[in-house]
Amino acid sequence: MMNFRVVTIKRFERSAKSLCKKYPKLTQSLSEYLCHLEENGPQGRRWPGWPNLWKDRLGLPGHNVGKRGGLRVVVYHDPTNMPELIGALLIYSKSDITQPDQAEIKNAVQDLKEIIAE
């Protein structure tokens, strides 16, 4: 089994906190999801035009919301680090926005790179 190092950026943490207020049972699901990432690496689909970005779906079982209509998590995967790095960049509800714009993604990736450089 391969282990990955999972890092969250402030932008992700703020959005997750806000979503946890809206969906109280999300706290447990999100914790389990991050542990799953740590053990198994990025899931979902690659983001078009960004070779290291992945978009995954996260359901809200305690709120009767499946993966299809639930949350989206955008992660950055850097396989050149050891252990391989996964940066949790963005989390959002599909009901709030369909997809983040390119500028928001670029800013999130930059935030992660600043954390890695420290």
C-alpha atoms as a PDB file:
ATOM      1  CA  MET A   1       0.000   0.000   0.000  1.00  0.00           C
ATOM      2  CA  MET A   2       1.313   3.427  -0.945  1.00  0.00           C
ATOM      3  CA  ASN A   3       1.060   6.401   1.378  1.00  0.00           C
ATOM      4  CA  PHE A   4       0.610   9.969   0.229  1.00  0.00           C
ATOM      5  CA  ARG A   5       1.158  13.209   2.104  1.00  0.00           C
ATOM      6  CA  VAL A   6      -2.062  15.237   2.106  1.00  0.00           C
ATOM      7  CA  VAL A   7      -1.881  19.001   2.614  1.00  0.00           C
ATOM      8  CA  THR A   8      -4.843  21.371   2.780  1.00  0.00           C
ATOM      9  CA  ILE A   9      -4.627  25.047   1.905  1.00  0.00           C
ATOM     10  CA  LYS A  10      -6.486  27.853   3.720  1.00  0.00           C
ATOM     11  CA  ARG A  11      -8.902  28.306   0.810  1.00  0.00           C
ATOM     12  CA  PHE A  12      -9.950  24.651   1.103  1.00  0.00           C
ATOM     13  CA  GLU A  13     -10.238  24.861   4.895  1.00  0.00           C
ATOM     14  CA  ARG A  14     -12.447  27.980   4.765  1.00  0.00           C
ATOM     15  CA  SER A  15     -14.771  26.423   2.196  1.00  0.00           C
ATOM     16  CA  ALA A  16     -14.909  23.143   4.119  1.00  0.00           C
ATOM     17  CA  LYS A  17     -15.775  24.981   7.341  1.00  0.00           C
ATOM     18  CA  SER A  18     -18.590  26.839   5.609  1.00  0.00           C
ATOM     19  CA  LEU A  19     -19.930  23.641   4.038  1.00  0.00           C
ATOM     20  CA  CYS A  20     -19.759  21.834   7.401  1.00  0.00           C
ATOM     21  CA  LYS A  21     -22.056  24.491   8.841  1.00  0.00           C
ATOM     22  CA  LYS A  22     -24.504  23.860   6.005  1.00  0.00           C
ATOM     23  CA  TYR A  23     -24.080  20.058   6.173  1.00  0.00           C
ATOM     24  CA  PRO A  24     -23.170  19.097   9.782  1.00  0.00           C
ATOM     25  CA  LYS A  25     -22.509  15.431   8.940  1.00  0.00           C
ATOM     26  CA  LEU A  26     -19.894  16.450   6.372  1.00  0.00           C
ATOM     27  CA  THR A  27     -17.165  16.702   9.024  1.00  0.00           C
ATOM     28  CA  GLN A  28     -16.956  12.911   9.360  1.00  0.00           C
ATOM     29  CA  SER A  29     -17.256  12.250   5.602  1.00  0.00           C
ATOM     30  CA  LEU A  30     -14.540  14.795   4.826  1.00  0.00           C
ATOM     31  CA  SER A  31     -12.196  13.352   7.431  1.00  0.00           C
ATOM     32  CA  GLU A  32     -12.714   9.867   5.961  1.00  0.00           C
ATOM     33  CA  TYR A  33     -12.182  11.215   2.441  1.00  0.00           C
ATOM     34  CA  LEU A  34      -8.856  12.853   3.384  1.00  0.00           C
ATOM     35  CA  CYS A  35      -7.706   9.598   5.042  1.00  0.00           C
ATOM     36  CA  HIS A  36      -8.708   7.727   1.888  1.00  0.00           C
ATOM     37  CA  LEU A  37      -6.611  10.154  -0.175  1.00  0.00           C
ATOM     38  CA  GLU A  38      -3.672   9.587   2.147  1.00  0.00           C
ATOM     39  CA  GLU A  39      -3.850   5.840   1.587  1.00  0.00           C
ATOM     40  CA  ASN A  40      -4.942   5.609  -2.060  1.00  0.00           C
ATOM     41  CA  GLY A  41      -3.994   8.815  -3.831  1.00  0.00           C
ATOM     42  CA  PRO A  42      -6.081  11.001  -6.096  1.00  0.00           C
ATOM     43  CA  GLN A  43      -9.453   9.741  -7.247  1.00  0.00           C
ATOM     44  CA  GLY A  44     -11.919  10.991  -9.816  1.00  0.00           C
ATOM     45  CA  ARG A  45     -10.982  12.538 -13.142  1.00  0.00           C
ATOM     46  CA  ARG A  46      -8.089  14.627 -14.295  1.00  0.00           C
ATOM     47  CA  TRP A  47      -8.900  18.280 -14.810  1.00  0.00           C
ATOM     48  CA  PRO A  48      -8.651  19.176 -18.517  1.00  0.00           C
ATOM     49  CA  GLY A  49      -5.611  21.337 -19.270  1.00  0.00           C
ATOM     50  CA  TRP A  50      -4.059  20.753 -15.826  1.00  0.00           C
ATOM     51  CA  PRO A  51      -1.977  17.545 -15.775  1.00  0.00           C
ATOM     52  CA  ASN A  52      -1.621  17.446 -11.974  1.00  0.00           C
ATOM     53  CA  LEU A  53      -5.212  18.356 -11.042  1.00  0.00           C
ATOM     54  CA  TRP A  54      -7.980  15.931 -10.218  1.00  0.00           C
ATOM     55  CA  LYS A  55     -11.670  16.566  -9.571  1.00  0.00           C
ATOM     56  CA  ASP A  56     -13.503  14.101  -7.379  1.00  0.00           C
ATOM     57  CA  ARG A  57     -17.105  13.787  -6.291  1.00  0.00           C
ATOM     58  CA  LEU A  58     -18.083  13.514  -2.654  1.00  0.00           C
ATOM     59  CA  GLY A  59     -21.594  12.540  -1.582  1.00  0.00           C
ATOM     60  CA  LEU A  60     -23.369  13.637   1.572  1.00  0.00           C
ATOM     61  CA  PRO A  61     -24.932  10.384   2.804  1.00  0.00           C
ATOM     62  CA  GLY A  62     -26.323  11.845   6.026  1.00  0.00           C
ATOM     63  CA  HIS A  63     -28.133  14.500   4.005  1.00  0.00           C
ATOM     64  CA  ASN A  64     -29.528  12.223   1.258  1.00  0.00           C
ATOM     65  CA  VAL A  65     -27.263  13.787  -1.371  1.00  0.00           C
ATOM     66  CA  GLY A  66     -25.352  11.397  -3.608  1.00  0.00           C
ATOM     67  CA  LYS A  67     -22.053  11.976  -5.382  1.00  0.00           C
ATOM     68  CA  ARG A  68     -23.758  13.209  -8.533  1.00  0.00           C
ATOM     69  CA  GLY A  69     -25.413  16.198  -6.850  1.00  0.00           C
ATOM     70  CA  GLY A  70     -23.047  16.573  -3.913  1.00  0.00           C
ATOM     71  CA  LEU A  71     -19.674  18.180  -3.435  1.00  0.00           C
ATOM     72  CA  ARG A  72     -16.665  18.507  -5.675  1.00  0.00           C
ATOM     73  CA  VAL A  73     -13.108  18.320  -4.392  1.00  0.00           C
ATOM     74  CA  VAL A  74     -10.194  19.565  -6.478  1.00  0.00           C
ATOM     75  CA  VAL A  75      -6.798  18.125  -5.561  1.00  0.00           C
ATOM     76  CA  TYR A  76      -3.284  18.652  -6.872  1.00  0.00           C
ATOM     77  CA  HIS A  77      -1.066  15.575  -7.177  1.00  0.00           C
ATOM     78  CA  ASP A  78       2.710  15.927  -7.331  1.00  0.00           C
ATOM     79  CA  PRO A  79       4.276  12.494  -7.887  1.00  0.00           C
ATOM     80  CA  THR A  80       7.828  13.906  -7.831  1.00  0.00           C
ATOM     81  CA  ASN A  81       7.826  14.346  -4.041  1.00  0.00           C
ATOM     82  CA  MET A  82       8.433  11.443  -1.683  1.00  0.00           C
ATOM     83  CA  PRO A  83       6.026  10.631  -0.231  1.00  0.00           C
ATOM     84  CA  GLU A  84       3.878  11.795  -3.127  1.00  0.00           C
ATOM     85  CA  LEU A  85       2.089  15.032  -2.346  1.00  0.00           C
ATOM     86  CA  ILE A  86      -1.637  15.617  -2.621  1.00  0.00           C
ATOM     87  CA  GLY A  87      -2.863  19.147  -2.027  1.00  0.00           C
ATOM     88  CA  ALA A  88      -6.556  19.594  -1.261  1.00  0.00           C
ATOM     89  CA  LEU A  89      -7.201  22.883  -3.073  1.00  0.00           C
ATOM     90  CA  LEU A  90     -10.914  23.471  -3.446  1.00  0.00           C
ATOM     91  CA  ILE A  91     -14.167  22.031  -2.175  1.00  0.00           C
ATOM     92  CA  TYR A  92     -17.532  23.290  -3.329  1.00  0.00           C
ATOM     93  CA  SER A  93     -21.141  22.288  -3.610  1.00  0.00           C
ATOM     94  CA  LYS A  94     -22.347  21.601  -7.110  1.00  0.00           C
ATOM     95  CA  SER A  95     -25.569  23.408  -6.172  1.00  0.00           C
ATOM     96  CA  ASP A  96     -23.558  26.588  -5.440  1.00  0.00           C
ATOM     97  CA  ILE A  97     -21.218  26.673  -8.452  1.00  0.00           C
ATOM     98  CA  THR A  98     -20.822  24.383 -11.416  1.00  0.00           C
ATOM     99  CA  GLN A  99     -17.073  24.746 -11.660  1.00  0.00           C
ATOM    100  CA  PRO A 100     -14.389  27.143 -10.399  1.00  0.00           C
ATOM    101  CA  ASP A 101     -12.889  29.474 -12.977  1.00  0.00           C
ATOM    102  CA  GLN A 102      -9.307  29.204 -14.239  1.00  0.00           C
ATOM    103  CA  ALA A 103      -8.104  32.148 -12.126  1.00  0.00           C
ATOM    104  CA  GLU A 104      -9.371  30.550  -8.906  1.00  0.00           C
ATOM    105  CA  ILE A 105      -7.660  27.270  -9.781  1.00  0.00           C
ATOM    106  CA  LYS A 106      -4.417  29.046 -10.651  1.00  0.00           C
ATOM    107  CA  ASN A 107      -4.496  30.966  -7.341  1.00  0.00           C
ATOM    108  CA  ALA A 108      -5.152  27.777  -5.364  1.00  0.00           C
ATOM    109  CA  VAL A 109      -2.238  25.983  -7.049  1.00  0.00           C
ATOM    110  CA  GLN A 110      -0.007  28.986  -6.276  1.00  0.00           C
ATOM    111  CA  ASP A 111      -1.106  28.912  -2.614  1.00  0.00           C
ATOM    112  CA  LEU A 112      -0.125  25.243  -2.431  1.00  0.00           C
ATOM    113  CA  LYS A 113       3.258  25.851  -4.048  1.00  0.00           C
ATOM    114  CA  GLU A 114       3.978  28.561  -1.459  1.00  0.00           C
ATOM    115  CA  ILE A 115       3.188  26.131   1.356  1.00  0.00           C
ATOM    116  CA  ILE A 116       5.445  23.464  -0.190  1.00  0.00           C
ATOM    117  CA  ALA A 117       8.297  25.961  -0.543  1.00  0.00           C
ATOM    118  CA  GLU A 118       8.220  26.796   3.200  1.00  0.00           C
END
